Amino acid sequence: MSISKAALGVAAAMTLVGAQPAVAGEALFGYVYTTDVMPKGKYEVEQWITDREGQAKGRFHDVLMRSEVEYGVTDNFQVSGYLNYSYLNASGNSVAGTTEGLDIPADHDPAKPYRKFRYDGVSAEAVWRVLSPYKDPIGLAFYVEPEIGPRENAVEVKILAQKNYLDDRLVLAANLWTEVEKEKVEGEGWEKASVWELDLGASYRFRPNWSAGLEFRNHNEYTGWTLDHSNQEHTAFFFGPTLHYGGERWFVTATALYQLHAKAYSDDQRAQIAHGRVYGDEHTTWDGLRLKIGRTFQ
């Protein structure tokens, strides 16, 4: 009888351990954040690669790269730093069939292809978790990220929520966030803009170390620093699958988000609508194809 009880205890312990994420703070999603943070004293390095691929016509690859270091100040407070850089390769991508739009300088000859590697700036990040999905009915955290760069300065604030089911194998996450930014426009100086977005994700651990799920984004942009409907430029919707592998120290996450539909609210934005999606200097067809690779250290 005692052997049976011991066996049951070992089995229960193994189930509990297996239900927890294999790597603390690992990214189950490409875009949606969970409330998981690094434990106190541990740090993690991550590399992000995102290809914003395809516009109305021609060829368009805006490959965004972020190198990140995360550190757990406490078990519920995490800080991070990012180095942001990118490579753009475009030709005949616009609605008009010319080479212009997203991240392409206004003084570029639209009749010629464009290729360039760019330094985009640095970012800092802080995440404070106030409720844990493993101890409380729901996980809740607050996130802030300032960014400074030669073409854009911004501050992003997020509310992160997470709910786990089925012994933590099923993870549901939601992010509501806003951003205010100043973007440099050649020949016109700095322009103010603001964003709000709702992100939703569901991920299921279907076998040890492996999870699969879906992500959804609704992105809304405005002129100026107020989220007034009269200043809204467009709303766009994105949806796609995500796949995650988390080992003892390493994790890899891949996500592909497709622009389902968009609606423009200004004449300038309406001119950038094609196939029911918004392009120009805003979005791509695949917005985008994202790979995250991370490793945790003591």
C-alpha atoms as a PDB file:
ATOM      1  CA  MET A   1       0.000   0.000   0.000  1.00  0.00           C
ATOM      2  CA  SER A   2       2.824   2.395   0.868  1.00  0.00           C
ATOM      3  CA  ILE A   3       4.561   1.571  -2.451  1.00  0.00           C
ATOM      4  CA  SER A   4       1.386   2.439  -4.346  1.00  0.00           C
ATOM      5  CA  LYS A   5       1.099   5.754  -2.518  1.00  0.00           C
ATOM      6  CA  ALA A   6       4.735   6.527  -3.245  1.00  0.00           C
ATOM      7  CA  ALA A   7       4.255   5.690  -6.928  1.00  0.00           C
ATOM      8  CA  LEU A   8       1.215   7.920  -7.101  1.00  0.00           C
ATOM      9  CA  GLY A   9       3.181  10.726  -5.466  1.00  0.00           C
ATOM     10  CA  VAL A  10       6.028  10.395  -7.957  1.00  0.00           C
ATOM     11  CA  ALA A  11       3.569  10.311 -10.876  1.00  0.00           C
ATOM     12  CA  ALA A  12       1.802  13.424  -9.597  1.00  0.00           C
ATOM     13  CA  ALA A  13       5.105  15.251  -9.177  1.00  0.00           C
ATOM     14  CA  MET A  14       6.193  14.319 -12.708  1.00  0.00           C
ATOM     15  CA  THR A  15       2.860  15.527 -14.089  1.00  0.00           C
ATOM     16  CA  LEU A  16       3.223  18.845 -12.295  1.00  0.00           C
ATOM     17  CA  VAL A  17       6.783  19.350 -13.500  1.00  0.00           C
ATOM     18  CA  GLY A  18       5.856  18.370 -17.048  1.00  0.00           C
ATOM     19  CA  ALA A  19       2.976  20.863 -17.036  1.00  0.00           C
ATOM     20  CA  GLN A  20       5.285  23.801 -16.301  1.00  0.00           C
ATOM     21  CA  PRO A  21       7.113  25.607 -19.106  1.00  0.00           C
ATOM     22  CA  ALA A  22      10.429  23.895 -19.874  1.00  0.00           C
ATOM     23  CA  VAL A  23      12.275  27.214 -19.823  1.00  0.00           C
ATOM     24  CA  ALA A  24      11.267  29.988 -17.395  1.00  0.00           C
ATOM     25  CA  GLY A  25      10.125  33.021 -19.333  1.00  0.00           C
ATOM     26  CA  GLU A  26      10.109  31.177 -22.670  1.00  0.00           C
ATOM     27  CA  ALA A  27       8.051  32.767 -25.447  1.00  0.00           C
ATOM     28  CA  LEU A  28       5.130  30.504 -26.356  1.00  0.00           C
ATOM     29  CA  PHE A  29       4.025  33.041 -29.006  1.00  0.00           C
ATOM     30  CA  GLY A  30       5.712  35.140 -31.640  1.00  0.00           C
ATOM     31  CA  TYR A  31       3.713  38.312 -30.921  1.00  0.00           C
ATOM     32  CA  VAL A  32       1.493  37.772 -27.883  1.00  0.00           C
ATOM     33  CA  TYR A  33       3.160  38.134 -24.476  1.00  0.00           C
ATOM     34  CA  THR A  34       2.351  35.901 -21.511  1.00  0.00           C
ATOM     35  CA  THR A  35       2.820  36.914 -17.870  1.00  0.00           C
ATOM     36  CA  ASP A  36       5.826  34.583 -17.440  1.00  0.00           C
ATOM     37  CA  VAL A  37       9.015  36.387 -16.330  1.00  0.00           C
ATOM     38  CA  MET A  38      12.575  35.335 -15.570  1.00  0.00           C
ATOM     39  CA  PRO A  39      13.177  34.133 -11.981  1.00  0.00           C
ATOM     40  CA  LYS A  40      15.333  36.298  -9.730  1.00  0.00           C
ATOM     41  CA  GLY A  41      18.999  36.269 -10.703  1.00  0.00           C
ATOM     42  CA  LYS A  42      18.554  34.442 -14.020  1.00  0.00           C
ATOM     43  CA  TYR A  43      18.981  35.938 -17.471  1.00  0.00           C
ATOM     44  CA  GLU A  44      18.176  34.977 -21.018  1.00  0.00           C
ATOM     45  CA  VAL A  45      19.426  35.995 -24.449  1.00  0.00           C
ATOM     46  CA  GLU A  46      17.057  36.036 -27.422  1.00  0.00           C
ATOM     47  CA  GLN A  47      17.350  36.680 -31.128  1.00  0.00           C
ATOM     48  CA  TRP A  48      14.277  37.767 -33.093  1.00  0.00           C
ATOM     49  CA  ILE A  49      14.045  37.652 -36.892  1.00  0.00           C
ATOM     50  CA  THR A  50      10.842  38.963 -38.519  1.00  0.00           C
ATOM     51  CA  ASP A  51      10.247  39.073 -42.265  1.00  0.00           C
ATOM     52  CA  ARG A  52       7.445  41.493 -43.147  1.00  0.00           C
ATOM     53  CA  GLU A  53       6.892  39.964 -46.555  1.00  0.00           C
ATOM     54  CA  GLY A  54       4.863  40.986 -49.586  1.00  0.00           C
ATOM     55  CA  GLN A  55       2.966  44.117 -50.511  1.00  0.00           C
ATOM     56  CA  ALA A  56       0.520  45.003 -53.286  1.00  0.00           C
ATOM     57  CA  LYS A  57       2.877  44.046 -56.135  1.00  0.00           C
ATOM     58  CA  GLY A  58       6.476  43.142 -56.919  1.00  0.00           C
ATOM     59  CA  ARG A  59       8.954  42.086 -54.233  1.00  0.00           C
ATOM     60  CA  PHE A  60       9.091  43.222 -50.613  1.00  0.00           C
ATOM     61  CA  HIS A  61      11.076  41.830 -47.658  1.00  0.00           C
ATOM     62  CA  ASP A  62      11.533  44.025 -44.578  1.00  0.00           C
ATOM     63  CA  VAL A  63      13.609  41.811 -42.280  1.00  0.00           C
ATOM     64  CA  LEU A  64      13.521  43.188 -38.723  1.00  0.00           C
ATOM     65  CA  MET A  65      16.054  41.844 -36.208  1.00  0.00           C
ATOM     66  CA  ARG A  66      16.200  42.289 -32.432  1.00  0.00           C
ATOM     67  CA  SER A  67      18.944  41.043 -30.097  1.00  0.00           C
ATOM     68  CA  GLU A  68      17.681  40.941 -26.501  1.00  0.00           C
ATOM     69  CA  VAL A  69      18.954  40.260 -22.984  1.00  0.00           C
ATOM     70  CA  GLU A  70      16.384  39.634 -20.196  1.00  0.00           C
ATOM     71  CA  TYR A  71      17.154  39.624 -16.466  1.00  0.00           C
ATOM     72  CA  GLY A  72      15.009  38.678 -13.478  1.00  0.00           C
ATOM     73  CA  VAL A  73      15.379  41.402 -10.840  1.00  0.00           C
ATOM     74  CA  THR A  74      12.879  39.590  -8.617  1.00  0.00           C
ATOM     75  CA  ASP A  75      10.636  36.594  -9.255  1.00  0.00           C
ATOM     76  CA  ASN A  76       7.954  39.021 -10.466  1.00  0.00           C
ATOM     77  CA  PHE A  77       9.939  41.867 -12.054  1.00  0.00           C
ATOM     78  CA  GLN A  78      11.982  41.578 -15.236  1.00  0.00           C
ATOM     79  CA  VAL A  79      14.057  44.075 -17.219  1.00  0.00           C
ATOM     80  CA  SER A  80      15.368  43.738 -20.778  1.00  0.00           C
ATOM     81  CA  GLY A  81      17.428  45.586 -23.370  1.00  0.00           C
ATOM     82  CA  TYR A  82      17.195  45.333 -27.169  1.00  0.00           C
ATOM     83  CA  LEU A  83      19.398  46.222 -30.102  1.00  0.00           C
ATOM     84  CA  ASN A  84      17.212  46.794 -33.185  1.00  0.00           C
ATOM     85  CA  TYR A  85      18.417  46.569 -36.794  1.00  0.00           C
ATOM     86  CA  SER A  86      16.977  45.491 -40.156  1.00  0.00           C
ATOM     87  CA  TYR A  87      17.486  44.752 -43.847  1.00  0.00           C
ATOM     88  CA  LEU A  88      15.072  45.879 -46.568  1.00  0.00           C
ATOM     89  CA  ASN A  89      14.857  44.451 -50.093  1.00  0.00           C
ATOM     90  CA  ALA A  90      12.069  45.832 -52.295  1.00  0.00           C
ATOM     91  CA  SER A  91      11.192  46.326 -55.943  1.00  0.00           C
ATOM     92  CA  GLY A  92       7.891  47.468 -57.511  1.00  0.00           C
ATOM     93  CA  ASN A  93       6.066  46.797 -54.241  1.00  0.00           C
ATOM     94  CA  SER A  94       3.510  49.619 -54.112  1.00  0.00           C
ATOM     95  CA  VAL A  95      -0.101  49.736 -55.291  1.00  0.00           C
ATOM     96  CA  ALA A  96       1.157  51.723 -58.295  1.00  0.00           C
ATOM     97  CA  GLY A  97       3.899  49.162 -59.017  1.00  0.00           C
ATOM     98  CA  THR A  98       6.717  51.503 -57.950  1.00  0.00           C
ATOM     99  CA  THR A  99       9.361  50.986 -55.259  1.00  0.00           C
ATOM    100  CA  GLU A 100       8.165  53.101 -52.349  1.00  0.00           C
ATOM    101  CA  GLY A 101       6.376  52.941 -49.022  1.00  0.00           C
ATOM    102  CA  LEU A 102       7.162  51.086 -45.796  1.00  0.00           C
ATOM    103  CA  ASP A 103      10.678  51.980 -44.528  1.00  0.00           C
ATOM    104  CA  ILE A 104      11.766  53.151 -48.004  1.00  0.00           C
ATOM    105  CA  PRO A 105      13.176  56.728 -47.929  1.00  0.00           C
ATOM    106  CA  ALA A 106      10.967  59.334 -49.585  1.00  0.00           C
ATOM    107  CA  ASP A 107      13.887  60.541 -51.759  1.00  0.00           C
ATOM    108  CA  HIS A 108      14.508  57.084 -53.253  1.00  0.00           C
ATOM    109  CA  ASP A 109      13.954  56.784 -57.024  1.00  0.00           C
ATOM    110  CA  PRO A 110      10.705  54.735 -57.223  1.00  0.00           C
ATOM    111  CA  ALA A 111      11.742  53.308 -60.595  1.00  0.00           C
ATOM    112  CA  LYS A 112      14.696  51.470 -59.021  1.00  0.00           C
ATOM    113  CA  PRO A 113      14.914  48.551 -56.557  1.00  0.00           C
ATOM    114  CA  TYR A 114      15.900  49.350 -52.978  1.00  0.00           C
ATOM    115  CA  ARG A 115      18.234  47.351 -50.724  1.00  0.00           C
ATOM    116  CA  LYS A 116      19.727  48.532 -47.443  1.00  0.00           C
ATOM    117  CA  PHE A 117      20.851  47.356 -44.000  1.00  0.00           C
ATOM    118  CA  ARG A 118      19.813  49.764 -41.230  1.00  0.00           C
ATOM    119  CA  TYR A 119      20.449  50.465 -37.568  1.00  0.00           C
ATOM    120  CA  ASP A 120      17.017  51.133 -36.039  1.00  0.00           C
ATOM    121  CA  GLY A 121      17.831  51.990 -32.430  1.00  0.00           C
ATOM    122  CA  VAL A 122      17.715  50.575 -28.911  1.00  0.00           C
ATOM    123  CA  SER A 123      14.843  49.639 -26.598  1.00  0.00           C
ATOM    124  CA  ALA A 124      14.455  48.969 -22.895  1.00  0.00           C
ATOM    125  CA  GLU A 125      11.686  46.886 -21.340  1.00  0.00           C
ATOM    126  CA  ALA A 126      10.253  46.337 -17.881  1.00  0.00           C
ATOM    127  CA  VAL A 127       7.602  43.746 -16.943  1.00  0.00           C
ATOM    128  CA  TRP A 128       5.953  43.668 -13.508  1.00  0.00           C
ATOM    129  CA  ARG A 129       3.804  40.635 -12.757  1.00  0.00           C
ATOM    130  CA  VAL A 130       1.183  41.239 -10.080  1.00  0.00           C
ATOM    131  CA  LEU A 131      -0.712  37.924 -10.390  1.00  0.00           C
ATOM    132  CA  SER A 132       0.678  34.518 -11.414  1.00  0.00           C
ATOM    133  CA  PRO A 133      -1.420  32.116 -13.547  1.00  0.00           C
ATOM    134  CA  TYR A 134       0.145  29.219 -11.563  1.00  0.00           C
ATOM    135  CA  LYS A 135      -0.934  30.569  -8.137  1.00  0.00           C
ATOM    136  CA  ASP A 136      -3.863  32.919  -8.835  1.00  0.00           C
ATOM    137  CA  PRO A 137      -7.095  32.528 -10.844  1.00  0.00           C
ATOM    138  CA  ILE A 138      -5.525  34.589 -13.639  1.00  0.00           C
ATOM    139  CA  GLY A 139      -2.102  35.973 -14.531  1.00  0.00           C
ATOM    140  CA  LEU A 140      -1.752  39.754 -14.795  1.00  0.00           C
ATOM    141  CA  ALA A 141       1.286  41.881 -15.648  1.00  0.00           C
ATOM    142  CA  PHE A 142       2.163  45.401 -16.791  1.00  0.00           C
ATOM    143  CA  TYR A 143       4.738  46.158 -19.466  1.00  0.00           C
ATOM    144  CA  VAL A 144       6.502  49.335 -20.594  1.00  0.00           C
ATOM    145  CA  GLU A 145       9.027  49.740 -23.442  1.00  0.00           C
ATOM    146  CA  PRO A 146      10.687  53.021 -24.483  1.00  0.00           C
ATOM    147  CA  GLU A 147      12.535  53.059 -27.834  1.00  0.00           C
ATOM    148  CA  ILE A 148      15.087  55.529 -29.183  1.00  0.00           C
ATOM    149  CA  GLY A 149      16.358  55.498 -32.765  1.00  0.00           C
ATOM    150  CA  PRO A 150      17.400  57.648 -35.723  1.00  0.00           C
ATOM    151  CA  ARG A 151      13.995  57.283 -37.411  1.00  0.00           C
ATOM    152  CA  GLU A 152      11.563  56.682 -34.554  1.00  0.00           C
ATOM    153  CA  ASN A 153      11.185  57.425 -30.848  1.00  0.00           C
ATOM    154  CA  ALA A 154       8.332  55.727 -28.994  1.00  0.00           C
ATOM    155  CA  VAL A 155       6.910  54.538 -25.691  1.00  0.00           C
ATOM    156  CA  GLU A 156       4.776  51.380 -25.555  1.00  0.00           C
ATOM    157  CA  VAL A 157       2.600  50.315 -22.601  1.00  0.00           C
ATOM    158  CA  LYS A 158       0.846  46.925 -22.326  1.00  0.00           C
ATOM    159  CA  ILE A 159      -1.556  45.100 -20.041  1.00  0.00           C
ATOM    160  CA  LEU A 160      -0.846  41.348 -20.151  1.00  0.00           C
ATOM    161  CA  ALA A 161      -3.336  38.677 -19.065  1.00  0.00           C
ATOM    162  CA  GLN A 162      -2.998  34.892 -19.005  1.00  0.00           C
ATOM    163  CA  LYS A 163      -5.239  31.969 -18.065  1.00  0.00           C
ATOM    164  CA  ASN A 164      -4.083  28.333 -17.939  1.00  0.00           C
ATOM    165  CA  TYR A 165      -6.192  25.184 -18.231  1.00  0.00           C
ATOM    166  CA  LEU A 166      -5.669  21.389 -18.346  1.00  0.00           C
ATOM    167  CA  ASP A 167      -2.778  21.371 -15.841  1.00  0.00           C
ATOM    168  CA  ASP A 168      -1.147  24.332 -17.629  1.00  0.00           C
ATOM    169  CA  ARG A 169      -0.994  22.545 -20.985  1.00  0.00           C
ATOM    170  CA  LEU A 170      -3.475  25.011 -22.523  1.00  0.00           C
ATOM    171  CA  VAL A 171      -2.436  28.673 -22.255  1.00  0.00           C
ATOM    172  CA  LEU A 172      -4.723  31.558 -23.242  1.00  0.00           C
ATOM    173  CA  ALA A 173      -3.187  35.039 -23.372  1.00  0.00           C
ATOM    174  CA  ALA A 174      -4.427  38.546 -24.164  1.00  0.00           C
ATOM    175  CA  ASN A 175      -2.549  41.828 -24.561  1.00  0.00           C
ATOM    176  CA  LEU A 176      -4.076  45.285 -24.755  1.00  0.00           C
ATOM    177  CA  TRP A 177      -1.508  47.933 -25.551  1.00  0.00           C
ATOM    178  CA  THR A 178      -0.959  51.459 -26.761  1.00  0.00           C
ATOM    179  CA  GLU A 179       2.012  53.365 -28.136  1.00  0.00           C
ATOM    180  CA  VAL A 180       2.848  57.011 -28.765  1.00  0.00           C
ATOM    181  CA  GLU A 181       5.611  57.735 -31.245  1.00  0.00           C
ATOM    182  CA  LYS A 182       7.477  60.399 -33.180  1.00  0.00           C
ATOM    183  CA  GLU A 183       8.546  59.291 -36.650  1.00  0.00           C
ATOM    184  CA  LYS A 184      11.065  61.152 -38.787  1.00  0.00           C
ATOM    185  CA  VAL A 185       9.740  62.021 -42.238  1.00  0.00           C
ATOM    186  CA  GLU A 186      12.394  63.227 -44.657  1.00  0.00           C
ATOM    187  CA  GLY A 187      11.824  66.827 -45.667  1.00  0.00           C
ATOM    188  CA  GLU A 188       8.969  67.243 -43.184  1.00  0.00           C
ATOM    189  CA  GLY A 189      10.579  66.732 -39.770  1.00  0.00           C
ATOM    190  CA  TRP A 190       9.062  64.598 -37.005  1.00  0.00           C
ATOM    191  CA  GLU A 191       5.430  63.457 -37.098  1.00  0.00           C
ATOM    192  CA  LYS A 192       3.372  62.342 -34.089  1.00  0.00           C
ATOM    193  CA  ALA A 193       1.342  59.135 -34.216  1.00  0.00           C
ATOM    194  CA  SER A 194      -0.351  56.729 -31.816  1.00  0.00           C
ATOM    195  CA  VAL A 195      -1.445  53.099 -31.834  1.00  0.00           C
ATOM    196  CA  TRP A 196      -3.678  50.767 -29.900  1.00  0.00           C
ATOM    197  CA  GLU A 197      -3.792  47.037 -30.452  1.00  0.00           C
ATOM    198  CA  LEU A 198      -5.510  43.921 -29.126  1.00  0.00           C
ATOM    199  CA  ASP A 199      -3.535  40.664 -29.335  1.00  0.00           C
ATOM    200  CA  LEU A 200      -4.951  37.215 -28.521  1.00  0.00           C
ATOM    201  CA  GLY A 201      -3.255  33.844 -28.387  1.00  0.00           C
ATOM    202  CA  ALA A 202      -4.001  30.198 -27.560  1.00  0.00           C
ATOM    203  CA  SER A 203      -1.274  27.575 -27.214  1.00  0.00           C
ATOM    204  CA  TYR A 204      -1.557  23.856 -26.355  1.00  0.00           C
ATOM    205  CA  ARG A 205       1.338  21.631 -25.248  1.00  0.00           C
ATOM    206  CA  PHE A 206       0.542  18.553 -27.318  1.00  0.00           C
ATOM    207  CA  ARG A 207       3.644  16.582 -26.303  1.00  0.00           C
ATOM    208  CA  PRO A 208       6.588  17.154 -23.934  1.00  0.00           C
ATOM    209  CA  ASN A 209       8.438  20.354 -24.929  1.00  0.00           C
ATOM    210  CA  TRP A 210       6.190  21.021 -27.955  1.00  0.00           C
ATOM    211  CA  SER A 211       3.299  23.502 -28.173  1.00  0.00           C
ATOM    212  CA  ALA A 212       1.162  24.704 -31.071  1.00  0.00           C
ATOM    213  CA  GLY A 213      -1.407  27.454 -31.264  1.00  0.00           C
ATOM    214  CA  LEU A 214      -2.939  30.451 -32.958  1.00  0.00           C
ATOM    215  CA  GLU A 215      -2.405  34.217 -32.714  1.00  0.00           C
ATOM    216  CA  PHE A 216      -4.643  37.152 -33.616  1.00  0.00           C
ATOM    217  CA  ARG A 217      -3.907  40.895 -33.826  1.00  0.00           C
ATOM    218  CA  ASN A 218      -6.142  43.925 -34.363  1.00  0.00           C
ATOM    219  CA  HIS A 219      -3.923  46.943 -35.066  1.00  0.00           C
ATOM    220  CA  ASN A 220      -5.248  50.534 -35.081  1.00  0.00           C
ATOM    221  CA  GLU A 221      -3.272  53.661 -36.007  1.00  0.00           C
ATOM    222  CA  TYR A 222      -3.997  57.376 -35.464  1.00  0.00           C
ATOM    223  CA  THR A 223      -2.425  60.699 -36.324  1.00  0.00           C
ATOM    224  CA  GLY A 224      -1.314  62.724 -33.313  1.00  0.00           C
ATOM    225  CA  TRP A 225      -1.136  61.488 -29.733  1.00  0.00           C
ATOM    226  CA  THR A 226      -4.836  61.024 -29.049  1.00  0.00           C
ATOM    227  CA  LEU A 227      -6.894  57.933 -29.815  1.00  0.00           C
ATOM    228  CA  ASP A 228      -9.756  59.954 -31.243  1.00  0.00           C
ATOM    229  CA  HIS A 229     -11.854  58.303 -33.957  1.00  0.00           C
ATOM    230  CA  SER A 230     -11.606  61.450 -36.106  1.00  0.00           C
ATOM    231  CA  ASN A 231      -7.815  60.940 -36.221  1.00  0.00           C
ATOM    232  CA  GLN A 232      -7.893  57.220 -37.040  1.00  0.00           C
ATOM    233  CA  GLU A 233      -5.982  56.198 -40.167  1.00  0.00           C
ATOM    234  CA  HIS A 234      -6.788  52.495 -40.399  1.00  0.00           C
ATOM    235  CA  THR A 235      -7.605  49.252 -38.637  1.00  0.00           C
ATOM    236  CA  ALA A 236      -6.081  45.916 -39.721  1.00  0.00           C
ATOM    237  CA  PHE A 237      -6.580  42.290 -38.691  1.00  0.00           C
ATOM    238  CA  PHE A 238      -3.957  39.519 -38.629  1.00  0.00           C
ATOM    239  CA  PHE A 239      -4.202  35.806 -37.895  1.00  0.00           C
ATOM    240  CA  GLY A 240      -1.934  32.782 -38.054  1.00  0.00           C
ATOM    241  CA  PRO A 241      -0.348  29.691 -36.468  1.00  0.00           C
ATOM    242  CA  THR A 242       2.492  29.475 -33.962  1.00  0.00           C
ATOM    243  CA  LEU A 243       4.778  26.542 -33.078  1.00  0.00           C
ATOM    244  CA  HIS A 244       7.023  26.374 -30.010  1.00  0.00           C
ATOM    245  CA  TYR A 245       9.758  24.053 -28.745  1.00  0.00           C
ATOM    246  CA  GLY A 246      11.153  24.524 -25.227  1.00  0.00           C
ATOM    247  CA  GLY A 247      14.050  22.454 -23.918  1.00  0.00           C
ATOM    248  CA  GLU A 248      15.893  22.638 -20.617  1.00  0.00           C
ATOM    249  CA  ARG A 249      17.850  25.737 -21.641  1.00  0.00           C
ATOM    250  CA  TRP A 250      16.813  26.546 -25.208  1.00  0.00           C
ATOM    251  CA  PHE A 251      13.573  27.496 -26.892  1.00  0.00           C
ATOM    252  CA  VAL A 252      12.507  28.196 -30.474  1.00  0.00           C
ATOM    253  CA  THR A 253       9.218  29.823 -31.526  1.00  0.00           C
ATOM    254  CA  ALA A 254       7.932  30.372 -35.069  1.00  0.00           C
ATOM    255  CA  THR A 255       4.829  32.375 -36.020  1.00  0.00           C
ATOM    256  CA  ALA A 256       3.272  33.343 -39.366  1.00  0.00           C
ATOM    257  CA  LEU A 257       0.687  36.159 -39.317  1.00  0.00           C
ATOM    258  CA  TYR A 258      -1.375  36.893 -42.420  1.00  0.00           C
ATOM    259  CA  GLN A 259      -3.196  40.183 -42.992  1.00  0.00           C
ATOM    260  CA  LEU A 260      -6.822  39.127 -43.288  1.00  0.00           C
ATOM    261  CA  HIS A 261      -8.489  42.475 -43.873  1.00  0.00           C
ATOM    262  CA  ALA A 262      -8.077  46.193 -43.309  1.00  0.00           C
ATOM    263  CA  LYS A 263     -10.220  49.321 -43.400  1.00  0.00           C
ATOM    264  CA  ALA A 264      -8.861  52.794 -44.154  1.00  0.00           C
ATOM    265  CA  TYR A 265     -10.339  56.003 -42.730  1.00  0.00           C
ATOM    266  CA  SER A 266      -8.359  58.678 -44.612  1.00  0.00           C
ATOM    267  CA  ASP A 267      -7.895  59.405 -48.317  1.00  0.00           C
ATOM    268  CA  ASP A 268      -4.157  58.694 -48.095  1.00  0.00           C
ATOM    269  CA  GLN A 269      -4.792  55.297 -46.519  1.00  0.00           C
ATOM    270  CA  ARG A 270      -7.618  54.408 -48.925  1.00  0.00           C
ATOM    271  CA  ALA A 271      -5.151  54.870 -51.775  1.00  0.00           C
ATOM    272  CA  GLN A 272      -2.999  52.133 -50.214  1.00  0.00           C
ATOM    273  CA  ILE A 273      -5.738  49.479 -50.081  1.00  0.00           C
ATOM    274  CA  ALA A 274      -5.356  46.480 -52.402  1.00  0.00           C
ATOM    275  CA  HIS A 275      -7.050  43.062 -52.203  1.00  0.00           C
ATOM    276  CA  GLY A 276      -8.818  44.238 -49.030  1.00  0.00           C
ATOM    277  CA  ARG A 277      -5.507  44.866 -47.239  1.00  0.00           C
ATOM    278  CA  VAL A 278      -3.630  48.074 -46.419  1.00  0.00           C
ATOM    279  CA  TYR A 279      -0.061  48.543 -47.661  1.00  0.00           C
ATOM    280  CA  GLY A 280       1.854  51.778 -48.316  1.00  0.00           C
ATOM    281  CA  ASP A 281       4.008  52.666 -45.308  1.00  0.00           C
ATOM    282  CA  GLU A 282       1.868  50.576 -42.934  1.00  0.00           C
ATOM    283  CA  HIS A 283       1.680  46.794 -43.413  1.00  0.00           C
ATOM    284  CA  THR A 284       2.547  43.773 -45.519  1.00  0.00           C
ATOM    285  CA  THR A 285       0.672  40.647 -46.626  1.00  0.00           C
ATOM    286  CA  TRP A 286       2.610  38.506 -44.132  1.00  0.00           C
ATOM    287  CA  ASP A 287       3.049  40.885 -41.209  1.00  0.00           C
ATOM    288  CA  GLY A 288       5.037  38.928 -40.472  1.00  0.00           C
ATOM    289  CA  LEU A 289       6.976  35.667 -40.426  1.00  0.00           C
ATOM    290  CA  ARG A 290       8.707  35.678 -37.028  1.00  0.00           C
ATOM    291  CA  LEU A 291      11.360  33.392 -35.509  1.00  0.00           C
ATOM    292  CA  LYS A 292      12.522  33.670 -31.873  1.00  0.00           C
ATOM    293  CA  ILE A 293      15.477  31.731 -30.466  1.00  0.00           C
ATOM    294  CA  GLY A 294      16.399  31.986 -26.788  1.00  0.00           C
ATOM    295  CA  ARG A 295      18.753  30.517 -24.205  1.00  0.00           C
ATOM    296  CA  THR A 296      18.515  30.807 -20.408  1.00  0.00           C
ATOM    297  CA  PHE A 297      21.509  31.183 -18.092  1.00  0.00           C
ATOM    298  CA  GLN A 298      21.920  31.056 -14.306  1.00  0.00           C
END
